[in-house]
Protein backbone atom coordinates (compact mmCIF):
# COMPACT_ATOMS: atom_id res chain seq x y z
CA MET A 1 0.00 0.00 0.00
CA TRP A 2 1.44 3.36 -1.06
CA ARG A 3 1.75 6.08 1.59
CA ALA A 4 3.45 9.42 1.02
CA PRO A 5 5.60 10.56 3.94
CA ILE A 6 4.29 13.39 6.08
CA ILE A 7 6.85 16.19 6.22
CA ARG A 8 7.61 18.52 9.09
CA CYS A 9 6.26 21.66 7.44
CA VAL A 10 2.91 19.92 7.04
CA TRP A 11 2.99 18.83 10.69
CA PHE A 12 3.65 22.42 11.75
CA ALA A 13 0.76 23.60 9.57
CA PHE A 14 -1.38 20.93 11.18
CA LEU A 15 -0.41 22.16 14.63
CA LEU A 16 -1.38 25.67 13.63
CA ALA A 17 -4.71 24.37 12.41
CA ALA A 18 -5.15 22.60 15.73
CA GLY A 19 -4.35 25.88 17.03
CA ALA A 20 -2.70 28.62 18.90
CA ARG A 21 -5.84 30.75 18.81
CA GLN A 22 -6.26 31.69 22.42
CA SER A 23 -7.89 35.04 21.69
CA ALA A 24 -10.20 33.71 18.98
CA ARG A 25 -12.88 32.42 21.34
CA ALA A 26 -13.95 32.88 24.92
CA ALA A 27 -16.08 30.66 27.08
CA GLY A 28 -19.48 31.84 28.18
CA PRO A 29 -20.81 31.54 31.72
CA ALA A 30 -19.91 28.26 33.41
CA ASP A 31 -22.58 25.58 33.52
CA LEU A 32 -22.08 24.98 37.26
CA THR A 33 -21.18 27.17 40.20
CA VAL A 34 -17.41 27.02 40.62
CA PRO A 35 -14.79 29.24 42.25
CA SER A 36 -13.96 32.35 40.23
CA THR A 37 -10.40 31.10 39.78
CA ALA A 38 -11.51 27.67 38.54
CA PRO A 39 -11.25 26.64 34.90
CA SER A 40 -14.14 28.22 32.97
CA TYR A 41 -15.58 26.97 29.65
CA THR A 42 -18.87 25.79 28.14
CA ALA A 43 -19.96 23.06 25.75
CA ALA A 44 -20.11 25.73 23.02
CA SER A 45 -16.41 26.54 23.54
CA ILE A 46 -15.30 22.95 22.90
CA VAL A 47 -14.58 22.55 19.18
CA GLN A 48 -13.03 20.16 16.72
CA ALA A 49 -9.49 21.36 16.04
CA ALA A 50 -9.77 21.07 12.25
CA THR A 51 -13.10 22.88 11.84
CA GLN A 52 -13.06 25.14 14.91
CA GLN A 53 -16.78 24.36 15.17
CA ALA A 54 -18.69 23.13 18.20
CA ALA A 55 -20.20 20.10 16.48
CA ALA A 56 -20.26 16.44 17.49
CA LEU A 57 -16.83 14.96 18.13
CA ALA A 58 -15.70 11.49 17.14
CA PRO A 59 -13.39 9.04 18.92
CA ASN A 60 -9.68 9.77 18.38
CA THR A 61 -10.40 13.37 17.30
CA ILE A 62 -8.12 16.28 18.18
CA ALA A 63 -10.30 18.84 19.94
CA THR A 64 -9.82 22.26 21.51
CA ILE A 65 -11.27 23.76 24.67
CA TYR A 66 -11.37 27.57 24.80
CA GLY A 67 -11.97 29.33 28.09
CA SER A 68 -10.23 31.05 30.98
CA ASN A 69 -8.13 29.87 33.93
CA LEU A 70 -7.50 26.60 32.11
CA ALA A 71 -3.81 26.48 33.06
CA TYR A 72 -1.27 28.65 34.85
CA ASP A 73 1.31 28.46 32.05
CA THR A 74 1.54 27.84 28.31
CA ARG A 75 3.01 24.49 27.39
CA ALA A 76 3.13 22.35 24.24
CA ILE A 77 4.26 18.75 24.52
CA THR A 78 7.71 17.58 23.50
CA SER A 79 9.06 14.08 23.02
CA ALA A 80 10.17 14.17 26.67
CA ASP A 81 6.52 14.35 27.76
CA LEU A 82 5.58 11.05 26.11
CA THR A 83 4.99 8.23 28.57
CA GLY A 84 5.62 4.79 27.13
CA GLY A 85 5.29 6.37 23.72
CA ALA A 86 1.84 7.79 24.51
CA LEU A 87 0.60 11.34 24.94
CA PRO A 88 0.69 12.63 28.52
CA THR A 89 -2.64 12.75 30.35
CA SER A 90 -1.41 15.50 32.66
CA LEU A 91 0.52 18.57 31.53
CA ASP A 92 1.63 21.19 34.07
CA GLY A 93 -0.98 19.78 36.46
CA VAL A 94 -3.83 20.09 33.94
CA THR A 95 -6.05 17.14 33.03
CA VAL A 96 -9.09 16.70 30.78
CA THR A 97 -11.55 13.84 31.17
CA VAL A 98 -14.27 12.64 28.81
CA ASN A 99 -16.77 10.39 30.56
CA GLY A 100 -14.17 9.97 33.28
CA ILE A 101 -11.43 8.82 30.89
CA LEU A 102 -8.21 10.84 30.97
CA CYS A 103 -7.43 12.39 27.59
CA GLY A 104 -4.07 12.69 25.90
CA LEU A 105 -2.89 16.30 25.82
CA PHE A 106 -1.05 18.27 23.11
CA TYR A 107 -1.09 21.82 24.48
CA VAL A 108 -2.28 23.77 27.52
CA SER A 109 -2.49 27.50 28.19
CA PRO A 110 -4.68 29.82 30.27
CA GLY A 111 -7.11 30.22 27.37
CA GLN A 112 -6.81 27.00 25.38
CA ILE A 113 -6.28 23.25 25.65
CA ASN A 114 -5.73 20.88 22.71
CA TYR A 115 -6.55 17.28 23.59
CA LEU A 116 -7.41 13.93 22.04
CA VAL A 117 -10.94 12.55 22.44
CA PRO A 118 -10.49 9.04 23.87
CA TYR A 119 -10.52 6.34 21.23
CA GLN A 120 -12.66 4.08 23.41
CA VAL A 121 -15.55 6.55 23.93
CA THR A 122 -18.52 5.48 21.78
CA ALA A 123 -21.53 7.02 23.55
CA ALA A 124 -23.87 9.56 21.92
CA SER A 125 -22.82 12.22 24.42
CA ALA A 126 -20.09 12.68 26.98
CA ALA A 127 -19.25 14.68 30.09
CA VAL A 128 -16.09 16.82 29.78
CA GLN A 129 -14.20 18.32 32.71
CA VAL A 130 -10.93 20.23 33.10
CA VAL A 131 -9.00 20.03 36.36
CA ARG A 132 -6.13 22.46 36.97
CA GLN A 133 -3.87 21.40 39.83
CA GLY A 134 -6.79 20.04 41.83
CA VAL A 135 -9.22 22.89 41.02
CA ARG A 136 -12.15 21.53 39.05
CA GLY A 137 -13.97 23.25 36.24
CA PRO A 138 -17.61 22.60 35.39
CA VAL A 139 -18.84 19.32 33.97
CA VAL A 140 -20.29 20.05 30.52
CA THR A 141 -21.97 17.69 28.07
CA ILE A 142 -20.91 17.46 24.42
CA ALA A 143 -22.31 15.46 21.53
CA LEU A 144 -20.39 12.51 20.09
CA ALA A 145 -20.70 10.67 16.78
CA PRO A 146 -18.91 7.67 15.25
CA THR A 147 -17.28 10.04 12.72
CA SER A 148 -17.02 13.80 12.26
CA PRO A 149 -14.91 14.20 9.11
CA ALA A 150 -12.94 17.35 8.30
CA PHE A 151 -9.85 18.34 6.38
CA PHE A 152 -7.16 20.37 8.09
CA GLU A 153 -6.71 23.74 6.41
CA TRP A 154 -4.00 26.35 5.92
CA ASN A 155 -3.59 29.63 4.05
CA GLY A 156 -7.26 30.46 4.43
CA ASN A 157 -9.38 27.59 3.19
CA GLN A 158 -6.86 25.35 1.43
CA ALA A 159 -6.81 21.68 2.38
CA ILE A 160 -3.50 20.52 3.84
CA ALA A 161 -2.21 17.97 1.33
CA VAL A 162 1.11 16.77 -0.09
CA HIS A 163 2.44 15.40 -3.33
CA ALA A 164 3.82 11.84 -3.42
CA ASP A 165 7.30 13.20 -2.71
CA GLY A 166 6.07 14.80 0.52
CA THR A 167 6.13 18.43 -0.67
CA LEU A 168 3.21 20.65 0.21
CA ILE A 169 0.43 21.21 -2.32
CA SER A 170 -0.17 24.94 -2.75
CA THR A 171 -1.21 27.50 -5.35
CA ALA A 172 2.46 27.68 -6.34
CA ALA A 173 2.75 23.86 -6.50
CA PRO A 174 -0.75 22.58 -7.32
CA ALA A 175 -1.85 18.98 -7.69
CA ALA A 176 -2.03 17.69 -11.25
CA SER A 177 -4.49 15.58 -13.23
CA GLY A 178 -4.15 11.90 -12.43
CA GLU A 179 -1.73 12.53 -9.57
CA ALA A 180 -1.79 10.53 -6.34
CA ILE A 181 -1.86 12.87 -3.33
CA VAL A 182 -2.25 12.67 0.43
CA LEU A 183 -4.84 14.78 2.31
CA PHE A 184 -4.75 15.18 6.09
CA ALA A 185 -7.96 14.94 8.05
CA ALA A 186 -9.54 14.67 11.49
CA GLY A 187 -12.57 12.94 12.92
CA LEU A 188 -12.56 9.82 10.75
CA GLY A 189 -13.28 7.58 13.74
CA ARG A 190 -12.17 4.16 14.82
CA THR A 191 -9.99 1.83 12.77
CA SER A 192 -9.51 -1.83 11.95
CA PRO A 193 -7.40 -2.97 13.65
CA ASP A 194 -7.92 -0.71 16.65
CA VAL A 195 -5.17 1.74 17.54
CA THR A 196 -3.78 2.08 21.06
CA PRO A 197 -5.54 4.97 22.84
CA ASN A 198 -3.39 8.13 23.19
CA ALA A 199 -0.46 6.55 21.35
CA PRO A 200 0.85 7.70 17.97
CA PRO A 201 0.13 4.69 15.71
CA ALA A 202 3.19 2.72 14.73
CA ALA A 203 1.67 1.46 11.48
CA ALA A 204 -1.16 2.09 9.07
CA ALA A 205 -4.69 1.14 10.14
CA SER A 206 -7.66 1.56 7.84
CA LEU A 207 -10.92 3.21 8.85
CA LEU A 208 -13.61 1.02 10.36
CA TYR A 209 -16.12 2.89 8.18
CA ALA A 210 -13.94 2.94 5.04
CA PRO A 211 -16.67 1.31 2.86
CA GLN A 212 -18.88 4.36 3.57
CA LEU A 213 -16.21 6.96 2.75
CA GLN A 214 -16.65 9.10 -0.36
CA VAL A 215 -14.60 12.05 -1.66
CA TRP A 216 -16.28 14.82 -3.67
CA LEU A 217 -14.79 17.42 -6.04
CA ASN A 218 -17.05 20.39 -6.80
CA GLY A 219 -19.98 18.32 -5.54
CA VAL A 220 -19.26 15.37 -7.84
CA ALA A 221 -18.45 12.01 -6.26
CA MET A 222 -15.09 10.60 -7.29
CA ALA A 223 -14.94 7.25 -9.03
CA ALA A 224 -14.72 4.02 -7.10
CA GLY A 225 -11.11 3.11 -6.50
CA SER A 226 -9.92 6.72 -6.29
CA VAL A 227 -9.28 6.33 -2.55
CA LEU A 228 -6.06 4.33 -2.25
CA TYR A 229 -5.93 4.42 1.55
CA ALA A 230 -7.96 6.05 4.31
CA GLY A 231 -6.75 5.63 7.86
CA VAL A 232 -4.41 6.87 10.55
CA THR A 233 -1.12 8.59 9.83
CA PRO A 234 1.68 6.53 11.42
CA GLY A 235 3.57 8.48 14.07
CA PHE A 236 0.92 11.16 14.70
CA ALA A 237 -1.83 10.68 17.29
CA GLY A 238 -5.28 11.75 16.11
CA LEU A 239 -4.15 12.54 12.57
CA TYR A 240 -5.68 10.75 9.56
CA GLN A 241 -4.77 10.68 5.90
CA ILE A 242 -6.63 9.98 2.69
CA ASN A 243 -4.46 8.85 -0.22
CA LEU A 244 -6.31 9.92 -3.33
CA ARG A 245 -5.82 9.44 -7.07
CA LEU A 246 -7.11 12.57 -8.78
CA PRO A 247 -9.17 12.32 -11.97
CA ALA A 248 -7.87 13.30 -15.39
CA PRO A 249 -8.66 16.01 -16.13
CA VAL A 250 -8.93 17.48 -12.65
CA PRO A 251 -11.09 20.58 -12.08
CA SER A 252 -9.16 23.78 -11.41
CA ASN A 253 -8.90 24.43 -7.66
CA PRO A 254 -11.97 22.34 -6.82
CA ALA A 255 -13.94 22.44 -3.59
CA ILE A 256 -13.24 19.15 -1.81
CA GLN A 257 -15.34 17.31 0.75
CA VAL A 258 -15.30 13.90 2.37
CA THR A 259 -18.40 12.09 3.56
CA ILE A 260 -18.78 9.02 5.75
CA GLY A 261 -22.38 7.89 5.69
CA SER A 262 -24.47 10.95 6.57
CA GLN A 263 -21.52 12.88 8.05
CA SER A 264 -19.84 15.43 5.79
CA SER A 265 -16.80 17.66 6.11
CA PRO A 266 -17.41 21.44 5.90
CA PRO A 267 -17.87 22.95 2.43
CA ALA A 268 -15.75 25.67 0.83
CA VAL A 269 -12.43 23.87 1.43
CA VAL A 270 -10.31 24.12 -1.72
CA LEU A 271 -7.66 21.79 -3.15
CA PRO A 272 -5.09 23.71 -5.22
CA ALA A 273 -5.07 21.82 -8.52
CA GLN A 274 -4.51 22.55 -12.18
């Protein structure tokens, strides 16, 4: 199975998409009565990292909590923070739980936390809580779904994708007709075989719902067999990739969407192509 390598510049773009956007959102009033210095956030301020929308989250999805008093310091994980190869579940004394399960953490700051929705959570809704060095924030309820597909974006509304040689697809280096490319996505759900919760996958694992996956260009479904692989990206927790063979000819800078069953990625995401 062909897989293009993910390159560091794409990973950095992905991290930006997952976001250092502390000032972009603010939590509303807390759902429960808590001390004024406690972490403060609402269900509406918990978003998927790729879309920045407060929609249903899927297992193994990178998500963001916006609020106040979430942490005392700003900290992004490094390789030294990995425990047994897995993401830390506590960072500078900050933890996030979903239905009581500790989440892997990527980033904490006073106004923002990036975390991984537990792979093993499959309920229709879940209780989320932030605890900062023993001080508890409110328990808020969010919606969950088996999948919540989205492409990561950069440079406005361009999908993060690479050529087969690992170089970034852009307006200056667009995808070409008939080319095989790799798109990076979030919220594609569980896999077969299962991945280890909170751990960057060591190998490829295809989507559990791969038979239901469909990619669309300008609202037109791509031909069967266009998807060469859809699954996790080895080495990167919560990150998925779709290896795609583009049609010939390919539309110029088409809008691209992915659907899994009734779930669809947001519209108006563009793939630079000529």
